[in-house]
Amino acid sequence: MVKSFRVVPIRSRVAVLASGGLDSSVLIAELARRSRRVYPIYVRAGLNWERDELQVLRRFLRSIARRNIEEISILRLPFDDVAGDHWSVTGRGIPGYRARTESNYIPGRNLALLSKAAIFCARNRIGEIAMAQLKANPFPDARPEFFRAFERTAELGLGLKLRVRAPFLNLSKSDVIGKGKALPLELTLSCARPRGTVHCGRCTKCAERVAGFRTAGILDPTRYID
């Protein structure tokens, strides 16, 4: 008799790849408002800003206080063995305020995050995972065709029919800010060089955040060093 490895997901459950950033925090709140059982996943890869991100993410989730949001599941997937010289790990040569969006690219980031998160989903019978990719993310592993291919891979390798959702893929940063304007957006962190929970104001991630609030016509509650 051949053993079946099929994983049957529980339909009310959805996982979210959470970073403590503005986009994924708004996504968590949106899904929770729809009465889904939300499982935030934070993957520690050894990047420069992770300790501060986690601190802010915990504060944000405490602030919105939704009973259908589970505790953060912290997974580990170190990057320093394959990307130890990358600016995201070393903190040196971080793209500046006027750098192009493409400079934020970390090779294989989404591929790695989804691979680890998919195993978590299989273990916890979760059939849907959401990511807060925006239309300004031009990276190879941020495209719809990549997400569809990954779904097929997860089904083949885990026996889990996993749907990868990217509901913000056609939205800009200002669009997401507009969606989340009633949320405590000051309790989010979009910075490659934070000092504690304060944004540096000098990196390309801060530039994107500043421009997003300005374009949305919403007062920016963020604290910036510069």
Protein backbone atom coordinates (compact mmCIF):
# COMPACT_ATOMS: atom_id res chain seq x y z
CA MET A 1 0.00 0.00 0.00
CA VAL A 2 1.44 3.40 -1.03
CA LYS A 3 1.41 5.99 1.72
CA SER A 4 -0.34 9.25 0.85
CA PHE A 5 1.66 12.38 1.66
CA ARG A 6 -1.18 14.72 0.80
CA VAL A 7 -1.59 17.65 3.21
CA VAL A 8 -5.17 18.86 3.59
CA PRO A 9 -5.14 22.56 4.56
CA ILE A 10 -7.58 24.21 6.94
CA ARG A 11 -9.40 26.78 4.80
CA SER A 12 -9.61 29.59 7.36
CA ARG A 13 -5.83 29.77 7.79
CA VAL A 14 -3.49 32.08 5.90
CA ALA A 15 0.20 32.73 6.47
CA VAL A 16 1.84 36.10 5.81
CA LEU A 17 5.53 36.68 5.20
CA ALA A 18 5.97 39.56 7.63
CA SER A 19 8.90 41.94 7.75
CA GLY A 20 7.75 44.69 10.09
CA GLY A 21 7.63 46.93 7.03
CA LEU A 22 4.69 49.09 6.09
CA ASP A 23 3.41 46.91 3.25
CA SER A 24 3.35 43.54 5.01
CA SER A 25 1.91 45.11 8.19
CA VAL A 26 -1.01 46.59 6.23
CA LEU A 27 -1.49 43.21 4.55
CA ILE A 28 -1.71 41.41 7.91
CA ALA A 29 -4.34 43.87 9.13
CA GLU A 30 -6.34 43.55 5.89
CA LEU A 31 -6.47 39.76 6.08
CA ALA A 32 -7.37 39.83 9.77
CA ARG A 33 -10.28 42.16 9.02
CA ARG A 34 -11.65 39.48 6.71
CA SER A 35 -11.87 37.09 9.67
CA ARG A 36 -9.04 34.84 8.48
CA ARG A 37 -6.81 33.09 11.01
CA VAL A 38 -3.55 34.89 10.22
CA TYR A 39 -0.14 33.34 10.89
CA PRO A 40 2.65 35.95 10.61
CA ILE A 41 5.99 34.38 9.63
CA TYR A 42 9.28 36.20 10.15
CA VAL A 43 12.36 34.57 8.63
CA ARG A 44 15.67 35.49 10.25
CA ALA A 45 18.42 35.45 7.63
CA GLY A 46 21.09 37.44 9.45
CA LEU A 47 20.30 40.73 7.71
CA ASN A 48 21.42 44.00 9.21
CA TRP A 49 18.03 45.32 10.33
CA GLU A 50 16.25 42.22 11.63
CA ARG A 51 16.37 42.89 15.37
CA ASP A 52 14.76 46.31 14.90
CA GLU A 53 12.18 44.96 12.45
CA LEU A 54 11.04 42.29 14.87
CA GLN A 55 10.69 44.81 17.67
CA VAL A 56 8.52 47.06 15.52
CA LEU A 57 6.44 44.15 14.18
CA ARG A 58 5.62 43.02 17.71
CA ARG A 59 4.56 46.55 18.65
CA PHE A 60 2.35 46.85 15.58
CA LEU A 61 0.57 43.56 16.24
CA ARG A 62 0.04 44.45 19.90
CA SER A 63 -1.39 47.79 18.84
CA ILE A 64 -3.99 46.43 16.43
CA ALA A 65 -4.85 43.67 18.93
CA ARG A 66 -6.74 41.21 16.74
CA ARG A 67 -7.55 37.86 18.31
CA ASN A 68 -7.40 36.08 14.95
CA ILE A 69 -3.71 36.98 14.48
CA GLU A 70 -1.43 34.27 15.85
CA GLU A 71 1.91 34.87 17.57
CA ILE A 72 4.79 35.55 15.19
CA SER A 73 6.49 32.36 14.05
CA ILE A 74 10.22 33.08 13.77
CA LEU A 75 12.05 30.81 11.33
CA ARG A 76 15.79 30.75 10.64
CA LEU A 77 17.47 30.63 7.24
CA PRO A 78 20.96 32.21 7.42
CA PHE A 79 22.20 34.05 4.33
CA ASP A 80 25.71 34.85 5.51
CA ASP A 81 27.18 31.67 4.02
CA VAL A 82 26.07 32.56 0.47
CA ALA A 83 25.80 36.37 0.68
CA GLY A 84 28.10 37.34 3.53
CA ASP A 85 29.54 40.25 1.55
CA HIS A 86 26.16 41.71 0.55
CA TRP A 87 25.24 45.14 1.95
CA SER A 88 22.10 43.69 3.56
CA VAL A 89 24.33 41.51 5.77
CA THR A 90 27.36 43.76 6.29
CA GLY A 91 25.55 47.09 6.62
CA ARG A 92 28.20 48.62 4.33
CA GLY A 93 27.47 50.26 1.00
CA ILE A 94 23.72 50.47 1.63
CA PRO A 95 21.96 52.07 -1.39
CA GLY A 96 21.46 55.78 -0.80
CA TYR A 97 18.42 58.04 -0.94
CA ARG A 98 18.57 58.60 -4.70
CA ALA A 99 19.47 55.03 -5.66
CA ARG A 100 17.21 53.15 -8.06
CA THR A 101 14.67 50.63 -6.71
CA GLU A 102 16.63 47.83 -8.38
CA SER A 103 19.47 48.43 -5.93
CA ASN A 104 17.34 46.91 -3.16
CA TYR A 105 17.54 43.49 -4.81
CA ILE A 106 18.77 40.63 -2.61
CA PRO A 107 19.34 37.60 -4.91
CA GLY A 108 17.00 34.70 -4.17
CA ARG A 109 15.33 36.46 -1.25
CA ASN A 110 11.74 35.52 -2.09
CA LEU A 111 12.76 32.06 -3.26
CA ALA A 112 14.42 31.39 0.10
CA LEU A 113 11.62 32.92 2.18
CA LEU A 114 8.90 30.99 0.39
CA SER A 115 10.80 27.71 0.57
CA LYS A 116 11.13 27.86 4.34
CA ALA A 117 7.61 29.23 4.82
CA ALA A 118 6.11 26.48 2.62
CA ILE A 119 7.46 23.82 4.96
CA PHE A 120 5.91 25.70 7.90
CA CYS A 121 2.60 25.82 6.02
CA ALA A 122 2.67 22.09 5.33
CA ARG A 123 3.36 21.35 9.00
CA ASN A 124 0.51 23.62 10.10
CA ARG A 125 -2.03 22.74 7.38
CA ILE A 126 -2.03 26.22 5.84
CA GLY A 127 -2.91 26.33 2.15
CA GLU A 128 -2.36 30.00 1.45
CA ILE A 129 0.59 32.32 1.95
CA ALA A 130 0.49 36.07 1.27
CA MET A 131 3.32 38.44 0.39
CA ALA A 132 3.27 42.24 0.14
CA GLN A 133 5.09 42.68 -3.17
CA LEU A 134 4.42 46.01 -4.92
CA LYS A 135 4.40 46.86 -8.62
CA ALA A 136 7.67 48.75 -8.11
CA ASN A 137 9.49 45.50 -7.25
CA PRO A 138 11.04 44.45 -10.60
CA PHE A 139 12.88 41.42 -9.22
CA PRO A 140 12.93 37.96 -10.88
CA ASP A 141 11.35 36.26 -7.84
CA ALA A 142 8.61 38.89 -7.50
CA ARG A 143 6.76 38.04 -10.71
CA PRO A 144 3.40 36.25 -11.05
CA GLU A 145 4.99 33.51 -13.18
CA PHE A 146 7.48 32.80 -10.40
CA PHE A 147 4.70 32.52 -7.82
CA ARG A 148 2.71 30.13 -10.03
CA ALA A 149 5.80 27.98 -10.61
CA PHE A 150 6.48 27.90 -6.87
CA GLU A 151 2.92 26.74 -6.18
CA ARG A 152 3.48 23.78 -8.49
CA THR A 153 6.81 23.01 -6.81
CA ALA A 154 5.23 23.07 -3.34
CA GLU A 155 2.51 20.66 -4.47
CA LEU A 156 5.04 18.28 -5.98
CA GLY A 157 7.53 18.43 -3.12
CA LEU A 158 5.26 18.74 -0.08
CA GLY A 159 1.91 17.33 -1.14
CA LEU A 160 0.41 20.72 -0.27
CA LYS A 161 -1.72 22.67 -2.71
CA LEU A 162 -0.28 26.03 -1.66
CA ARG A 163 -1.59 29.26 -3.11
CA VAL A 164 0.88 32.17 -3.14
CA ARG A 165 -0.99 35.46 -2.98
CA ALA A 166 0.47 38.87 -3.79
CA PRO A 167 -2.60 41.14 -3.53
CA PHE A 168 -0.57 44.37 -3.67
CA LEU A 169 1.30 43.45 -6.85
CA ASN A 170 -0.49 46.12 -8.89
CA LEU A 171 -0.30 48.77 -6.17
CA SER A 172 2.20 51.52 -5.40
CA LYS A 173 3.54 52.43 -1.96
CA SER A 174 1.12 55.37 -1.82
CA ASP A 175 -1.80 53.03 -2.63
CA VAL A 176 -0.89 50.80 0.31
CA ILE A 177 -0.48 53.82 2.60
CA GLY A 178 -3.97 54.89 1.60
CA LYS A 179 -5.32 51.44 2.45
CA GLY A 180 -3.65 51.54 5.85
CA LYS A 181 -4.17 55.17 6.79
CA ALA A 182 -6.28 54.23 9.84
CA LEU A 183 -3.54 51.90 11.13
CA PRO A 184 -0.57 52.83 13.37
CA LEU A 185 1.83 53.12 10.41
CA GLU A 186 4.38 54.80 12.67
CA LEU A 187 4.83 51.29 14.13
CA THR A 188 6.31 49.96 10.89
CA LEU A 189 9.92 49.99 9.74
CA SER A 190 11.03 50.42 6.11
CA CYS A 191 14.71 51.20 6.46
CA ALA A 192 17.99 49.50 5.58
CA ARG A 193 19.96 51.37 8.24
CA PRO A 194 17.68 52.00 11.25
CA ARG A 195 18.86 53.23 14.60
CA GLY A 196 16.63 51.23 16.88
CA THR A 197 13.12 51.92 15.60
CA VAL A 198 14.05 55.27 14.02
CA HIS A 199 14.47 55.46 10.24
CA CYS A 200 17.80 56.73 8.90
CA GLY A 201 16.16 58.99 6.29
CA ARG A 202 19.09 58.41 3.92
CA CYS A 203 18.55 55.01 2.27
CA THR A 204 16.47 54.18 -0.78
CA LYS A 205 13.88 52.41 1.38
CA CYS A 206 13.34 55.62 3.36
CA ALA A 207 13.11 57.58 0.10
CA GLU A 208 10.34 55.26 -1.11
CA ARG A 209 8.49 55.70 2.18
CA VAL A 210 8.78 59.51 2.16
CA ALA A 211 7.57 59.68 -1.44
CA GLY A 212 4.70 57.28 -0.68
CA PHE A 213 3.24 59.44 2.08
CA ARG A 214 3.73 62.58 0.00
CA THR A 215 1.98 61.09 -3.04
CA ALA A 216 -0.84 59.72 -0.88
CA GLY A 217 -1.37 63.18 0.62
CA ILE A 218 -1.17 61.73 4.13
CA LEU A 219 0.91 63.18 6.95
CA ASP A 220 3.99 61.03 7.48
CA PRO A 221 4.16 59.95 11.16
CA THR A 222 7.61 58.37 10.71
CA ARG A 223 10.62 59.45 12.76
CA TYR A 224 13.74 60.00 10.62
CA ILE A 225 17.25 60.71 11.84
CA ASP A 226 18.02 62.77 8.73
